[in-house]
Amino acid sequence: MNKLTKEEALEMLKTTIKIYEQMANDEAGQEFVEAFKMSVEALENQKTGHWIKEWHIDHFEYVCSECDCGEEFQTHYCPNCGAKMVGE
């Protein structure tokens, strides 16, 4: 199976939501639907950024291009704003 694009994943989630909205007739089912809706919203609004390497007095620090949060190590996502880190 090939990897899904973001758009394909969103479309699959939206279709699943429609199906479960029709079937969910209890509180647990409604919570499941709400969780899917939150997933779609998170994917649609996901920020992307990159780490900027800066020198601070006696050490290097990586700063998020989206929120200016400084971190000791580069990670795939900014722990402060949640931006997905891409590129240099």
Protein backbone atom coordinates (compact mmCIF):
# COMPACT_ATOMS: atom_id res chain seq x y z
CA MET A 1 0.00 0.00 0.00
CA ASN A 2 1.31 3.44 -0.94
CA LYS A 3 1.54 6.30 1.53
CA LEU A 4 -1.46 8.62 1.61
CA THR A 5 -1.18 12.29 0.83
CA LYS A 6 -2.54 14.73 3.38
CA GLU A 7 -5.51 15.45 1.11
CA GLU A 8 -6.30 11.72 0.71
CA ALA A 9 -6.11 11.20 4.47
CA LEU A 10 -8.44 14.14 5.08
CA GLU A 11 -10.94 12.81 2.56
CA MET A 12 -10.90 9.36 4.18
CA LEU A 13 -11.43 10.89 7.63
CA LYS A 14 -14.33 13.02 6.38
CA THR A 15 -15.99 9.99 4.77
CA THR A 16 -15.55 7.99 7.98
CA ILE A 17 -17.11 10.83 9.98
CA LYS A 18 -20.19 10.83 7.72
CA ILE A 19 -20.63 7.07 8.17
CA TYR A 20 -20.19 7.12 11.95
CA GLU A 21 -22.45 10.17 12.38
CA GLN A 22 -25.26 8.11 10.90
CA MET A 23 -24.47 5.07 13.08
CA ALA A 24 -23.48 6.71 16.38
CA ASN A 25 -26.53 6.70 18.61
CA ASP A 26 -24.89 6.65 22.03
CA GLU A 27 -22.50 8.89 23.94
CA ALA A 28 -19.43 6.76 23.20
CA GLY A 29 -20.23 6.85 19.49
CA GLN A 30 -20.62 10.62 19.52
CA GLU A 31 -17.27 11.00 21.33
CA PHE A 32 -15.68 8.84 18.61
CA VAL A 33 -17.14 11.12 15.90
CA GLU A 34 -15.90 14.22 17.74
CA ALA A 35 -12.39 12.73 17.95
CA PHE A 36 -12.40 12.20 14.18
CA LYS A 37 -13.59 15.78 13.63
CA MET A 38 -10.75 17.07 15.82
CA SER A 39 -8.27 15.00 13.77
CA VAL A 40 -9.52 16.58 10.54
CA GLU A 41 -9.29 20.07 12.03
CA ALA A 42 -5.74 19.45 13.24
CA LEU A 43 -4.63 18.23 9.81
CA GLU A 44 -6.29 21.12 7.99
CA ASN A 45 -4.74 23.74 10.29
CA GLN A 46 -1.32 22.17 10.71
CA LYS A 47 1.52 24.69 10.60
CA THR A 48 4.88 23.94 9.04
CA GLY A 49 8.14 25.58 9.94
CA HIS A 50 11.86 24.95 10.18
CA TRP A 51 14.57 25.15 12.82
CA ILE A 52 16.88 28.17 12.76
CA LYS A 53 20.27 27.50 14.34
CA GLU A 54 21.36 30.42 16.53
CA TRP A 55 24.37 30.99 18.76
CA HIS A 56 23.52 31.96 22.37
CA ILE A 57 26.48 33.05 24.56
CA ASP A 58 28.08 29.61 24.95
CA HIS A 59 25.90 27.17 22.99
CA PHE A 60 23.84 26.71 19.85
CA GLU A 61 20.06 26.70 20.10
CA TYR A 62 17.43 25.77 17.53
CA VAL A 63 14.60 28.30 17.21
CA CYS A 64 11.20 27.55 15.65
CA SER A 65 10.48 29.76 12.63
CA GLU A 66 6.79 29.87 13.61
CA CYS A 67 6.82 30.80 17.31
CA ASP A 68 10.46 31.65 18.15
CA CYS A 69 10.59 28.89 20.79
CA GLY A 70 14.19 27.87 21.49
CA GLU A 71 15.17 24.21 21.87
CA GLU A 72 18.43 22.40 22.54
CA PHE A 73 17.72 19.69 19.95
CA GLN A 74 15.97 19.57 16.59
CA THR A 75 12.74 17.57 16.67
CA HIS A 76 10.17 16.72 13.99
CA TYR A 77 7.59 19.01 15.63
CA CYS A 78 7.90 22.16 17.73
CA PRO A 79 6.96 21.26 21.31
CA ASN A 80 5.58 24.77 21.82
CA CYS A 81 3.32 25.44 18.82
CA GLY A 82 3.12 21.98 17.18
CA ALA A 83 4.46 23.10 13.80
CA LYS A 84 5.80 20.25 11.68
CA MET A 85 9.45 20.97 10.95
CA VAL A 86 10.44 20.64 7.29
CA GLY A 87 13.58 21.56 5.38
CA GLU A 88 16.44 23.67 6.62
